[in-house]
Amino acid sequence: MRETPDSDATARVYRGRVTLAASQAIGVFDSGVGGLTVLDECLAALPAEDFTYFGDTAWFPYGDREPAQVRERALAIGRWLVGRGVKLIVVACNTATAVALAELQRQLETPVIGVIHPEVRAAVHATRNRRVGLLATEATARSGTYARMIRAQDAGVSLTTVACPGLAPVIQEGAAIDDAVVAMVADYTAPLTEAGVDTVILGCTHFPMVARLLRRALPGVTLIDGRSEIAREVVETLGRKGLRRPPGPEGLRRFACSGDPEAFRRLAARFLQMPLDGVELVDPAAGGPSGGPRRPADGS
């Protein structure tokens, strides 16, 4: 078992109630496999950290659900992660960030960050003509969160929002890209081309998985998927709170989901290009089975 820093030496009290330590894991969750795009960047930026990832595949997609349902489910997952002893929670889901982040931050006794603010900041900095597009789930589009945050950053930037209800499910299934998917993407991106946007936010963590297809549909347009910005925010948050683990051996990775563990394992292993020795089946509303982070199958 690899050694971790002495928790007493790195402990920090959060909100005067919870003691957090650099030796604890970082929690990441999404409605499915899309959040793996965020996890992948975090693994590269913070290789010595332990991570616990939860994919809520039994409830996928969040984009079709009512905001109150998403908030309730996100809180259950957040509490499950807190129960696993994480020091930071990353909401690697745009829909959950849009409708539940504030509630998570109010109710959980662990720091929580979402994916939208880093994406908005990057888009406002990147646009040259101040016309930004957004591809998102229906729930994220309805929430108006991106529009509010963009106005707060730069009131002169216009936003064209397109809901893409069919895209995340296709990506989640892991099916091959066929003519029907290409036509779907063309339909979703057409309003953005008509609006003359020069920057488009991929407002769902599944969408970077088809970034090549989106680039072809939006030639000359800057695509913002926010992964590197989110990873940077995780690094900065840990540093600011004195919770970043010092450089050392590769951290441990634990995976859990609420749906079919084997289907999740296959998709996650293919995308992350790393072996997964197992995925826990967890019902976060019931607390779920516990256990520490697992080592990769090759023992590294």
C-alpha atoms as a PDB file:
ATOM      1  CA  MET A   1       0.000   0.000   0.000  1.00  0.00           C
ATOM      2  CA  ARG A   2       1.432   3.349  -0.950  1.00  0.00           C
ATOM      3  CA  GLU A   3       2.048   5.897   1.733  1.00  0.00           C
ATOM      4  CA  THR A   4      -0.012   9.060   1.958  1.00  0.00           C
ATOM      5  CA  PRO A   5       0.820  12.327   3.687  1.00  0.00           C
ATOM      6  CA  ASP A   6       0.134  12.460   7.412  1.00  0.00           C
ATOM      7  CA  SER A   7      -3.418  13.751   7.644  1.00  0.00           C
ATOM      8  CA  ASP A   8      -2.701  15.603  10.900  1.00  0.00           C
ATOM      9  CA  ALA A   9       0.052  17.593   9.179  1.00  0.00           C
ATOM     10  CA  THR A  10      -2.166  18.710   6.311  1.00  0.00           C
ATOM     11  CA  ALA A  11      -5.585  18.937   7.969  1.00  0.00           C
ATOM     12  CA  ARG A  12      -7.761  21.992   7.356  1.00  0.00           C
ATOM     13  CA  VAL A  13     -11.067  22.869   9.001  1.00  0.00           C
ATOM     14  CA  TYR A  14     -13.772  23.750   6.452  1.00  0.00           C
ATOM     15  CA  ARG A  15     -16.682  25.986   7.508  1.00  0.00           C
ATOM     16  CA  GLY A  16     -15.618  25.446  11.101  1.00  0.00           C
ATOM     17  CA  ARG A  17     -17.151  21.961  11.110  1.00  0.00           C
ATOM     18  CA  VAL A  18     -15.369  19.446   8.891  1.00  0.00           C
ATOM     19  CA  THR A  19     -11.693  18.592   9.016  1.00  0.00           C
ATOM     20  CA  LEU A  20     -10.267  17.929   5.550  1.00  0.00           C
ATOM     21  CA  ALA A  21      -6.808  16.623   4.686  1.00  0.00           C
ATOM     22  CA  ALA A  22      -4.572  16.475   1.621  1.00  0.00           C
ATOM     23  CA  SER A  23      -4.511  12.673   1.903  1.00  0.00           C
ATOM     24  CA  GLN A  24      -8.233  12.432   1.089  1.00  0.00           C
ATOM     25  CA  ALA A  25      -9.592  11.706  -2.395  1.00  0.00           C
ATOM     26  CA  ILE A  26     -11.264  14.093  -4.852  1.00  0.00           C
ATOM     27  CA  GLY A  27     -14.849  13.185  -5.765  1.00  0.00           C
ATOM     28  CA  VAL A  28     -16.149  13.619  -9.321  1.00  0.00           C
ATOM     29  CA  PHE A  29     -19.660  12.832 -10.561  1.00  0.00           C
ATOM     30  CA  ASP A  30     -21.763  13.007 -13.722  1.00  0.00           C
ATOM     31  CA  SER A  31     -24.984  11.528 -15.037  1.00  0.00           C
ATOM     32  CA  GLY A  32     -22.938   9.030 -17.066  1.00  0.00           C
ATOM     33  CA  VAL A  33     -19.579   8.745 -18.803  1.00  0.00           C
ATOM     34  CA  GLY A  34     -19.333  12.361 -19.994  1.00  0.00           C
ATOM     35  CA  GLY A  35     -17.661  13.457 -16.775  1.00  0.00           C
ATOM     36  CA  LEU A  36     -14.760  11.178 -17.656  1.00  0.00           C
ATOM     37  CA  THR A  37     -13.608  13.968 -19.982  1.00  0.00           C
ATOM     38  CA  VAL A  38     -13.153  16.134 -16.878  1.00  0.00           C
ATOM     39  CA  LEU A  39     -11.631  13.304 -14.848  1.00  0.00           C
ATOM     40  CA  ASP A  40      -9.109  12.643 -17.627  1.00  0.00           C
ATOM     41  CA  GLU A  41      -7.804  16.225 -17.434  1.00  0.00           C
ATOM     42  CA  CYS A  42      -7.698  16.098 -13.642  1.00  0.00           C
ATOM     43  CA  LEU A  43      -5.712  12.850 -13.708  1.00  0.00           C
ATOM     44  CA  ALA A  44      -3.138  14.492 -15.968  1.00  0.00           C
ATOM     45  CA  ALA A  45      -2.960  17.662 -13.860  1.00  0.00           C
ATOM     46  CA  LEU A  46      -2.931  15.897 -10.477  1.00  0.00           C
ATOM     47  CA  PRO A  47      -1.424  12.433 -10.951  1.00  0.00           C
ATOM     48  CA  ALA A  48      -0.635  11.923  -7.258  1.00  0.00           C
ATOM     49  CA  GLU A  49      -4.217  12.521  -6.112  1.00  0.00           C
ATOM     50  CA  ASP A  50      -6.765   9.813  -5.364  1.00  0.00           C
ATOM     51  CA  PHE A  51     -10.066  10.121  -7.242  1.00  0.00           C
ATOM     52  CA  THR A  52     -13.524   8.653  -6.700  1.00  0.00           C
ATOM     53  CA  TYR A  53     -15.761   8.868  -9.793  1.00  0.00           C
ATOM     54  CA  PHE A  54     -19.508   8.221  -9.766  1.00  0.00           C
ATOM     55  CA  GLY A  55     -21.515   7.853 -12.971  1.00  0.00           C
ATOM     56  CA  ASP A  56     -25.275   8.029 -12.393  1.00  0.00           C
ATOM     57  CA  THR A  57     -26.036   5.824 -15.370  1.00  0.00           C
ATOM     58  CA  ALA A  58     -29.364   4.576 -13.991  1.00  0.00           C
ATOM     59  CA  TRP A  59     -30.641   8.164 -14.044  1.00  0.00           C
ATOM     60  CA  PHE A  60     -29.090   9.191 -17.354  1.00  0.00           C
ATOM     61  CA  PRO A  61     -29.857  11.611 -18.964  1.00  0.00           C
ATOM     62  CA  TYR A  62     -30.329  14.460 -16.494  1.00  0.00           C
ATOM     63  CA  GLY A  63     -31.166  16.818 -19.351  1.00  0.00           C
ATOM     64  CA  ASP A  64     -34.674  15.353 -19.704  1.00  0.00           C
ATOM     65  CA  ARG A  65     -35.521  15.650 -16.005  1.00  0.00           C
ATOM     66  CA  GLU A  66     -37.129  18.394 -13.951  1.00  0.00           C
ATOM     67  CA  PRO A  67     -34.704  20.658 -12.052  1.00  0.00           C
ATOM     68  CA  ALA A  68     -36.081  19.551  -8.664  1.00  0.00           C
ATOM     69  CA  GLN A  69     -35.344  15.910  -9.544  1.00  0.00           C
ATOM     70  CA  VAL A  70     -31.783  16.738 -10.571  1.00  0.00           C
ATOM     71  CA  ARG A  71     -31.196  18.768  -7.400  1.00  0.00           C
ATOM     72  CA  GLU A  72     -32.463  15.941  -5.193  1.00  0.00           C
ATOM     73  CA  ARG A  73     -30.352  13.362  -6.994  1.00  0.00           C
ATOM     74  CA  ALA A  74     -27.225  15.539  -7.005  1.00  0.00           C
ATOM     75  CA  LEU A  75     -27.575  16.057  -3.257  1.00  0.00           C
ATOM     76  CA  ALA A  76     -27.833  12.298  -2.716  1.00  0.00           C
ATOM     77  CA  ILE A  77     -24.677  11.740  -4.741  1.00  0.00           C
ATOM     78  CA  GLY A  78     -22.902  14.609  -3.001  1.00  0.00           C
ATOM     79  CA  ARG A  79     -23.765  13.163   0.408  1.00  0.00           C
ATOM     80  CA  TRP A  80     -22.568   9.732  -0.724  1.00  0.00           C
ATOM     81  CA  LEU A  81     -19.228  11.239  -1.781  1.00  0.00           C
ATOM     82  CA  VAL A  82     -18.946  13.136   1.515  1.00  0.00           C
ATOM     83  CA  GLY A  83     -19.592   9.822   3.252  1.00  0.00           C
ATOM     84  CA  ARG A  84     -16.675   8.332   1.317  1.00  0.00           C
ATOM     85  CA  GLY A  85     -14.462  11.022   2.835  1.00  0.00           C
ATOM     86  CA  VAL A  86     -13.614  13.178  -0.186  1.00  0.00           C
ATOM     87  CA  LYS A  87     -11.971  16.595   0.318  1.00  0.00           C
ATOM     88  CA  LEU A  88     -13.444  18.254  -2.799  1.00  0.00           C
ATOM     89  CA  ILE A  89     -16.395  17.487  -5.088  1.00  0.00           C
ATOM     90  CA  VAL A  90     -16.294  18.300  -8.797  1.00  0.00           C
ATOM     91  CA  VAL A  91     -19.724  18.380 -10.435  1.00  0.00           C
ATOM     92  CA  ALA A  92     -18.606  17.159 -13.872  1.00  0.00           C
ATOM     93  CA  CYS A  93     -22.093  17.591 -15.345  1.00  0.00           C
ATOM     94  CA  ASN A  94     -23.340  20.806 -16.895  1.00  0.00           C
ATOM     95  CA  THR A  95     -26.995  20.101 -16.135  1.00  0.00           C
ATOM     96  CA  ALA A  96     -26.306  19.348 -12.463  1.00  0.00           C
ATOM     97  CA  THR A  97     -24.058  22.408 -12.252  1.00  0.00           C
ATOM     98  CA  ALA A  98     -26.734  24.611 -13.818  1.00  0.00           C
ATOM     99  CA  VAL A  99     -29.597  23.572 -11.547  1.00  0.00           C
ATOM    100  CA  ALA A 100     -27.986  22.133  -8.390  1.00  0.00           C
ATOM    101  CA  LEU A 101     -24.555  23.677  -7.725  1.00  0.00           C
ATOM    102  CA  ALA A 102     -25.803  26.391  -5.375  1.00  0.00           C
ATOM    103  CA  GLU A 103     -27.811  23.879  -3.349  1.00  0.00           C
ATOM    104  CA  LEU A 104     -24.835  21.509  -3.130  1.00  0.00           C
ATOM    105  CA  GLN A 105     -22.597  24.309  -1.921  1.00  0.00           C
ATOM    106  CA  ARG A 106     -25.163  25.350   0.699  1.00  0.00           C
ATOM    107  CA  GLN A 107     -25.892  21.889   2.075  1.00  0.00           C
ATOM    108  CA  LEU A 108     -22.657  19.894   1.835  1.00  0.00           C
ATOM    109  CA  GLU A 109     -19.854  20.193   4.356  1.00  0.00           C
ATOM    110  CA  THR A 110     -17.204  19.737   1.658  1.00  0.00           C
ATOM    111  CA  PRO A 111     -16.113  22.273  -1.004  1.00  0.00           C
ATOM    112  CA  VAL A 112     -17.981  21.863  -4.315  1.00  0.00           C
ATOM    113  CA  ILE A 113     -17.085  23.293  -7.733  1.00  0.00           C
ATOM    114  CA  GLY A 114     -18.903  23.010 -11.069  1.00  0.00           C
ATOM    115  CA  VAL A 115     -18.019  23.112 -14.735  1.00  0.00           C
ATOM    116  CA  ILE A 116     -19.867  26.183 -16.014  1.00  0.00           C
ATOM    117  CA  HIS A 117     -17.885  29.111 -14.600  1.00  0.00           C
ATOM    118  CA  PRO A 118     -14.534  27.994 -16.106  1.00  0.00           C
ATOM    119  CA  GLU A 119     -16.218  27.470 -19.503  1.00  0.00           C
ATOM    120  CA  VAL A 120     -17.886  30.890 -19.464  1.00  0.00           C
ATOM    121  CA  ARG A 121     -14.660  32.604 -18.486  1.00  0.00           C
ATOM    122  CA  ALA A 122     -12.774  30.854 -21.298  1.00  0.00           C
ATOM    123  CA  ALA A 123     -15.469  31.674 -23.890  1.00  0.00           C
ATOM    124  CA  VAL A 124     -15.622  35.370 -22.998  1.00  0.00           C
ATOM    125  CA  HIS A 125     -11.846  35.583 -23.263  1.00  0.00           C
ATOM    126  CA  ALA A 126     -11.765  33.668 -26.566  1.00  0.00           C
ATOM    127  CA  THR A 127     -14.496  35.437 -28.577  1.00  0.00           C
ATOM    128  CA  ARG A 128     -13.388  38.157 -30.984  1.00  0.00           C
ATOM    129  CA  ASN A 129     -16.773  39.272 -32.351  1.00  0.00           C
ATOM    130  CA  ARG A 130     -18.576  38.886 -28.984  1.00  0.00           C
ATOM    131  CA  ARG A 131     -20.990  36.296 -30.391  1.00  0.00           C
ATOM    132  CA  VAL A 132     -20.919  33.048 -28.446  1.00  0.00           C
ATOM    133  CA  GLY A 133     -22.882  29.863 -29.059  1.00  0.00           C
ATOM    134  CA  LEU A 134     -23.920  27.185 -26.579  1.00  0.00           C
ATOM    135  CA  LEU A 135     -24.714  23.541 -27.284  1.00  0.00           C
ATOM    136  CA  ALA A 136     -26.363  22.011 -24.211  1.00  0.00           C
ATOM    137  CA  THR A 137     -28.985  19.655 -22.849  1.00  0.00           C
ATOM    138  CA  GLU A 138     -32.572  20.864 -22.661  1.00  0.00           C
ATOM    139  CA  ALA A 139     -32.409  21.325 -18.872  1.00  0.00           C
ATOM    140  CA  THR A 140     -29.208  23.344 -19.069  1.00  0.00           C
ATOM    141  CA  ALA A 141     -30.591  25.495 -21.877  1.00  0.00           C
ATOM    142  CA  ARG A 142     -33.825  26.152 -19.954  1.00  0.00           C
ATOM    143  CA  SER A 143     -31.971  27.091 -16.771  1.00  0.00           C
ATOM    144  CA  GLY A 144     -30.520  30.278 -18.287  1.00  0.00           C
ATOM    145  CA  THR A 145     -27.385  29.807 -16.181  1.00  0.00           C
ATOM    146  CA  TYR A 146     -24.952  30.390 -19.049  1.00  0.00           C
ATOM    147  CA  ALA A 147     -26.728  33.566 -20.157  1.00  0.00           C
ATOM    148  CA  ARG A 148     -26.638  34.980 -16.621  1.00  0.00           C
ATOM    149  CA  MET A 149     -22.983  34.142 -16.118  1.00  0.00           C
ATOM    150  CA  ILE A 150     -21.946  35.525 -19.495  1.00  0.00           C
ATOM    151  CA  ARG A 151     -23.768  38.783 -18.769  1.00  0.00           C
ATOM    152  CA  ALA A 152     -21.935  38.980 -15.457  1.00  0.00           C
ATOM    153  CA  GLN A 153     -18.597  38.526 -17.238  1.00  0.00           C
ATOM    154  CA  ASP A 154     -19.330  40.816 -20.220  1.00  0.00           C
ATOM    155  CA  ALA A 155     -22.776  42.300 -20.786  1.00  0.00           C
ATOM    156  CA  GLY A 156     -21.861  43.022 -24.416  1.00  0.00           C
ATOM    157  CA  VAL A 157     -21.468  39.362 -25.391  1.00  0.00           C
ATOM    158  CA  SER A 158     -24.523  37.826 -27.087  1.00  0.00           C
ATOM    159  CA  LEU A 159     -25.361  34.157 -26.565  1.00  0.00           C
ATOM    160  CA  THR A 160     -27.128  31.825 -29.000  1.00  0.00           C
ATOM    161  CA  THR A 161     -28.298  28.682 -27.192  1.00  0.00           C
ATOM    162  CA  VAL A 162     -29.228  25.422 -28.912  1.00  0.00           C
ATOM    163  CA  ALA A 163     -30.666  22.476 -26.977  1.00  0.00           C
ATOM    164  CA  CYS A 164     -29.321  19.116 -28.216  1.00  0.00           C
ATOM    165  CA  PRO A 165     -31.510  16.426 -26.625  1.00  0.00           C
ATOM    166  CA  GLY A 166     -30.384  13.611 -28.895  1.00  0.00           C
ATOM    167  CA  LEU A 167     -26.608  13.994 -28.770  1.00  0.00           C
ATOM    168  CA  ALA A 168     -25.625  12.923 -25.245  1.00  0.00           C
ATOM    169  CA  PRO A 169     -27.601   9.642 -25.415  1.00  0.00           C
ATOM    170  CA  VAL A 170     -25.819   8.671 -28.647  1.00  0.00           C
ATOM    171  CA  ILE A 171     -22.443   9.350 -27.043  1.00  0.00           C
ATOM    172  CA  GLN A 172     -23.408   7.519 -23.845  1.00  0.00           C
ATOM    173  CA  GLU A 173     -24.266   4.410 -25.850  1.00  0.00           C
ATOM    174  CA  GLY A 174     -20.794   4.368 -27.374  1.00  0.00           C
ATOM    175  CA  ALA A 175     -22.190   3.560 -30.811  1.00  0.00           C
ATOM    176  CA  ALA A 176     -20.354   4.286 -34.045  1.00  0.00           C
ATOM    177  CA  ILE A 177     -20.942   7.672 -35.671  1.00  0.00           C
ATOM    178  CA  ASP A 178     -23.215   7.142 -38.667  1.00  0.00           C
ATOM    179  CA  ASP A 179     -24.971   9.401 -41.195  1.00  0.00           C
ATOM    180  CA  ALA A 180     -27.892   9.977 -38.820  1.00  0.00           C
ATOM    181  CA  VAL A 181     -25.576  11.354 -36.107  1.00  0.00           C
ATOM    182  CA  VAL A 182     -23.770  13.573 -38.630  1.00  0.00           C
ATOM    183  CA  ALA A 183     -27.133  14.933 -39.798  1.00  0.00           C
ATOM    184  CA  MET A 184     -28.225  15.510 -36.175  1.00  0.00           C
ATOM    185  CA  VAL A 185     -25.074  17.512 -35.461  1.00  0.00           C
ATOM    186  CA  ALA A 186     -25.583  19.529 -38.652  1.00  0.00           C
ATOM    187  CA  ASP A 187     -29.105  20.431 -37.504  1.00  0.00           C
ATOM    188  CA  TYR A 188     -27.909  21.449 -34.043  1.00  0.00           C
ATOM    189  CA  THR A 189     -25.032  23.581 -35.315  1.00  0.00           C
ATOM    190  CA  ALA A 190     -26.922  25.340 -38.142  1.00  0.00           C
ATOM    191  CA  PRO A 191     -28.425  28.066 -35.878  1.00  0.00           C
ATOM    192  CA  LEU A 192     -24.962  28.862 -34.555  1.00  0.00           C
ATOM    193  CA  THR A 193     -23.576  29.289 -38.062  1.00  0.00           C
ATOM    194  CA  GLU A 194     -26.528  31.527 -38.945  1.00  0.00           C
ATOM    195  CA  ALA A 195     -25.887  33.632 -35.847  1.00  0.00           C
ATOM    196  CA  GLY A 196     -22.274  34.185 -36.891  1.00  0.00           C
ATOM    197  CA  VAL A 197     -20.748  32.988 -33.635  1.00  0.00           C
ATOM    198  CA  ASP A 198     -16.977  32.638 -33.493  1.00  0.00           C
ATOM    199  CA  THR A 199     -16.892  30.687 -30.218  1.00  0.00           C
ATOM    200  CA  VAL A 200     -19.064  27.778 -29.073  1.00  0.00           C
ATOM    201  CA  ILE A 201     -19.290  26.325 -25.581  1.00  0.00           C
ATOM    202  CA  LEU A 202     -19.783  22.568 -25.463  1.00  0.00           C
ATOM    203  CA  GLY A 203     -22.230  22.735 -22.582  1.00  0.00           C
ATOM    204  CA  CYS A 204     -22.333  19.031 -21.804  1.00  0.00           C
ATOM    205  CA  THR A 205     -19.353  16.979 -20.671  1.00  0.00           C
ATOM    206  CA  HIS A 206     -20.335  14.250 -23.156  1.00  0.00           C
ATOM    207  CA  PHE A 207     -19.853  16.563 -26.144  1.00  0.00           C
ATOM    208  CA  PRO A 208     -16.014  16.672 -26.177  1.00  0.00           C
ATOM    209  CA  MET A 209     -16.160  12.981 -27.061  1.00  0.00           C
ATOM    210  CA  VAL A 210     -17.377  14.024 -30.536  1.00  0.00           C
ATOM    211  CA  ALA A 211     -15.214  17.143 -30.799  1.00  0.00           C
ATOM    212  CA  ARG A 212     -13.839  16.186 -34.234  1.00  0.00           C
ATOM    213  CA  LEU A 213     -17.358  15.925 -35.632  1.00  0.00           C
ATOM    214  CA  LEU A 214     -18.297  19.281 -34.116  1.00  0.00           C
ATOM    215  CA  ARG A 215     -15.153  20.955 -35.512  1.00  0.00           C
ATOM    216  CA  ARG A 216     -16.079  19.806 -39.011  1.00  0.00           C
ATOM    217  CA  ALA A 217     -19.603  21.142 -38.559  1.00  0.00           C
ATOM    218  CA  LEU A 218     -18.282  24.480 -37.238  1.00  0.00           C
ATOM    219  CA  PRO A 219     -15.154  25.269 -39.287  1.00  0.00           C
ATOM    220  CA  GLY A 220     -13.155  28.230 -38.045  1.00  0.00           C
ATOM    221  CA  VAL A 221     -15.082  28.381 -34.759  1.00  0.00           C
ATOM    222  CA  THR A 222     -13.323  28.067 -31.405  1.00  0.00           C
ATOM    223  CA  LEU A 223     -14.783  25.227 -29.340  1.00  0.00           C
ATOM    224  CA  ILE A 224     -14.723  25.603 -25.561  1.00  0.00           C
ATOM    225  CA  ASP A 225     -15.110  22.354 -23.666  1.00  0.00           C
ATOM    226  CA  GLY A 226     -13.635  23.706 -20.442  1.00  0.00           C
ATOM    227  CA  ARG A 227     -11.776  20.540 -19.448  1.00  0.00           C
ATOM    228  CA  SER A 228      -8.362  22.136 -18.979  1.00  0.00           C
ATOM    229  CA  GLU A 229      -9.915  25.190 -17.289  1.00  0.00           C
ATOM    230  CA  ILE A 230     -11.851  22.961 -14.877  1.00  0.00           C
ATOM    231  CA  ALA A 231      -8.728  20.961 -14.040  1.00  0.00           C
ATOM    232  CA  ARG A 232      -6.888  24.236 -13.450  1.00  0.00           C
ATOM    233  CA  GLU A 233      -9.646  25.362 -11.086  1.00  0.00           C
ATOM    234  CA  VAL A 234      -9.368  22.091  -9.167  1.00  0.00           C
ATOM    235  CA  VAL A 235      -5.604  22.623  -8.828  1.00  0.00           C
ATOM    236  CA  GLU A 236      -6.095  26.223  -7.692  1.00  0.00           C
ATOM    237  CA  THR A 237      -8.854  25.322  -5.224  1.00  0.00           C
ATOM    238  CA  LEU A 238      -6.772  22.607  -3.584  1.00  0.00           C
ATOM    239  CA  GLY A 239      -3.772  24.936  -3.378  1.00  0.00           C
ATOM    240  CA  ARG A 240      -5.813  27.790  -1.950  1.00  0.00           C
ATOM    241  CA  LYS A 241      -7.293  25.543   0.746  1.00  0.00           C
ATOM    242  CA  GLY A 242      -3.990  23.837   1.548  1.00  0.00           C
ATOM    243  CA  LEU A 243      -5.346  20.458   0.420  1.00  0.00           C
ATOM    244  CA  ARG A 244      -3.142  19.589  -2.546  1.00  0.00           C
ATOM    245  CA  ARG A 245      -1.211  16.365  -2.141  1.00  0.00           C
ATOM    246  CA  PRO A 246       2.565  16.671  -2.671  1.00  0.00           C
ATOM    247  CA  PRO A 247       4.104  14.993  -5.746  1.00  0.00           C
ATOM    248  CA  GLY A 248       4.523  11.273  -5.314  1.00  0.00           C
ATOM    249  CA  PRO A 249       3.383   7.880  -6.634  1.00  0.00           C
ATOM    250  CA  GLU A 250       0.341   7.708  -8.873  1.00  0.00           C
ATOM    251  CA  GLY A 251      -2.877   8.029  -6.911  1.00  0.00           C
ATOM    252  CA  LEU A 252      -5.653   5.494  -6.607  1.00  0.00           C
ATOM    253  CA  ARG A 253      -8.808   5.587  -8.731  1.00  0.00           C
ATOM    254  CA  ARG A 254     -12.182   4.276  -7.662  1.00  0.00           C
ATOM    255  CA  PHE A 255     -15.211   4.008  -9.938  1.00  0.00           C
ATOM    256  CA  ALA A 256     -18.872   3.505  -9.111  1.00  0.00           C
ATOM    257  CA  CYS A 257     -22.131   3.771 -11.013  1.00  0.00           C
ATOM    258  CA  SER A 258     -25.843   3.316 -10.446  1.00  0.00           C
ATOM    259  CA  GLY A 259     -26.533   1.280 -13.597  1.00  0.00           C
ATOM    260  CA  ASP A 260     -24.788  -1.643 -15.291  1.00  0.00           C
ATOM    261  CA  PRO A 261     -21.234  -1.774 -13.857  1.00  0.00           C
ATOM    262  CA  GLU A 262     -19.817  -3.867 -16.686  1.00  0.00           C
ATOM    263  CA  ALA A 263     -21.188  -1.571 -19.403  1.00  0.00           C
ATOM    264  CA  PHE A 264     -19.760   1.411 -17.529  1.00  0.00           C
ATOM    265  CA  ARG A 265     -16.400  -0.345 -17.070  1.00  0.00           C
ATOM    266  CA  ARG A 266     -16.079  -1.059 -20.802  1.00  0.00           C
ATOM    267  CA  LEU A 267     -16.886   2.520 -21.824  1.00  0.00           C
ATOM    268  CA  ALA A 268     -14.712   4.095 -19.137  1.00  0.00           C
ATOM    269  CA  ALA A 269     -11.724   1.864 -19.842  1.00  0.00           C
ATOM    270  CA  ARG A 270     -11.958   2.601 -23.570  1.00  0.00           C
ATOM    271  CA  PHE A 271     -12.184   6.352 -23.110  1.00  0.00           C
ATOM    272  CA  LEU A 272      -9.593   6.708 -20.336  1.00  0.00           C
ATOM    273  CA  GLN A 273      -7.298   4.130 -21.965  1.00  0.00           C
ATOM    274  CA  MET A 274      -6.572   2.552 -18.607  1.00  0.00           C
ATOM    275  CA  PRO A 275      -7.616  -0.767 -17.077  1.00  0.00           C
ATOM    276  CA  LEU A 276     -10.424  -0.740 -14.538  1.00  0.00           C
ATOM    277  CA  ASP A 277     -10.386  -3.702 -12.187  1.00  0.00           C
ATOM    278  CA  GLY A 278     -13.950  -3.176 -11.110  1.00  0.00           C
ATOM    279  CA  VAL A 279     -16.836  -0.741 -10.805  1.00  0.00           C
ATOM    280  CA  GLU A 280     -19.065  -0.644  -7.724  1.00  0.00           C
ATOM    281  CA  LEU A 281     -22.827  -0.698  -8.124  1.00  0.00           C
ATOM    282  CA  VAL A 282     -24.094   2.037  -5.817  1.00  0.00           C
ATOM    283  CA  ASP A 283     -27.471   3.465  -4.886  1.00  0.00           C
ATOM    284  CA  PRO A 284     -26.445   6.895  -3.565  1.00  0.00           C
ATOM    285  CA  ALA A 285     -29.901   7.564  -2.125  1.00  0.00           C
ATOM    286  CA  ALA A 286     -29.435   4.519   0.127  1.00  0.00           C
ATOM    287  CA  GLY A 287     -25.837   5.326   0.998  1.00  0.00           C
ATOM    288  CA  GLY A 288     -24.408   2.600  -1.220  1.00  0.00           C
ATOM    289  CA  PRO A 289     -21.648   0.121  -0.408  1.00  0.00           C
ATOM    290  CA  SER A 290     -18.459   1.628   0.915  1.00  0.00           C
ATOM    291  CA  GLY A 291     -14.827   0.868   0.332  1.00  0.00           C
ATOM    292  CA  GLY A 292     -11.573   2.561  -0.456  1.00  0.00           C
ATOM    293  CA  PRO A 293     -10.227   3.543  -3.854  1.00  0.00           C
ATOM    294  CA  ARG A 294      -9.136   0.632  -5.992  1.00  0.00           C
ATOM    295  CA  ARG A 295      -5.842   0.191  -7.745  1.00  0.00           C
ATOM    296  CA  PRO A 296      -5.783  -0.296 -11.527  1.00  0.00           C
ATOM    297  CA  ALA A 297      -5.901  -3.927 -12.644  1.00  0.00           C
ATOM    298  CA  ASP A 298      -2.221  -3.924 -13.573  1.00  0.00           C
ATOM    299  CA  GLY A 299      -1.343  -3.022  -9.989  1.00  0.00           C
ATOM    300  CA  SER A 300       0.152   0.344 -10.809  1.00  0.00           C
END
